[in-house]
Amino acid sequence: MSEIPQLFGARAGAYASFRPEYPDALFHWLANRCPEHQRALDIACGNGQASRPLRQYFAQVLACDASLDQLRASEDFGDITLFAASAEAQPLVSASLDLVVVAQALHWFATPEFFAEVARLLKPGGLFCAWCYSLLRIDGPLDELIDVFYWGTLGGYWPAGRSSVDAGYCDLYAPFPRIELPDLAIEMQWNFNQLLGYLRTWSAVQCWEHQHDRDPVAEIAPALREAWGDSNQPRVVRWPLHFLAGIPS
């Protein structure tokens, strides 16, 4: 297993519990841009955050991940077809899909081989859409602490590829014209413990903890708690979304 599936598989349960859900408006837009609604594939599906909403719009939804631990961590995939596979080698028939999505993962495998595989899988006119969400925003004091943690404490501990998320996928090349999506963002009502749980899913946190043998989130938690206020009081947490979408020929 490669480094990336190992990182996310190691805390698959936390990933399933604390990763934010994507807005309904995104899946409505995707369905409206697809000429047919027979089969959709979610690559690097994780715990199924993008797979499950697609089921409202497509007759069959398939979801794959290179990490078996990720697939096993979620028990609510329902009738979605699950399988383990690398992003660049899908065990599916050519020209069999109306939509291929990649949520918060394209930066790990945005290679010519991957885009060639997507073009093979999609029907003529089929849509590809990948997205990522950038650094969470809450309010000024909390944002400042999180920025110092992200760029300072964890600087140099992010796996290669994470810089593309910071760039909003503007640095990724795709061999097809891009389609612009509307401005969309994730918004969640979270309590303080949910914030800490989410921070602990970061790959750089795991790398930092492995090297220093202590939890960096625990070290920043007192300052975050003071800035948060009542730890039981929910706060609005927001992540801007960034997209790479198009119709491969």
Foldseek 3Di string as FASTA:
>chain_A
DDPVLVLLLVPLLLCLVQDFAFDLVVLVVLLVQFPDAEEEEEEQCQQNSPQVSSVVRHNAYEYERQHPSSPVNHDPSPRHHYDYDHLLDDPDQFQAHQEYEYEQPCLPPLDPSNLVVVNRRHHQSHKYKYKYWADKDFDDQLVVLVCCCVCPVLNPQAPHRVVCVVVLVPPRDHPFDFDDDDWGKTKDWDAQVSVLSNVCSHSSQVSSCVVVVDGVSVVSSVSNPVVRDPRGGTTIMMITMGMGMDGRD
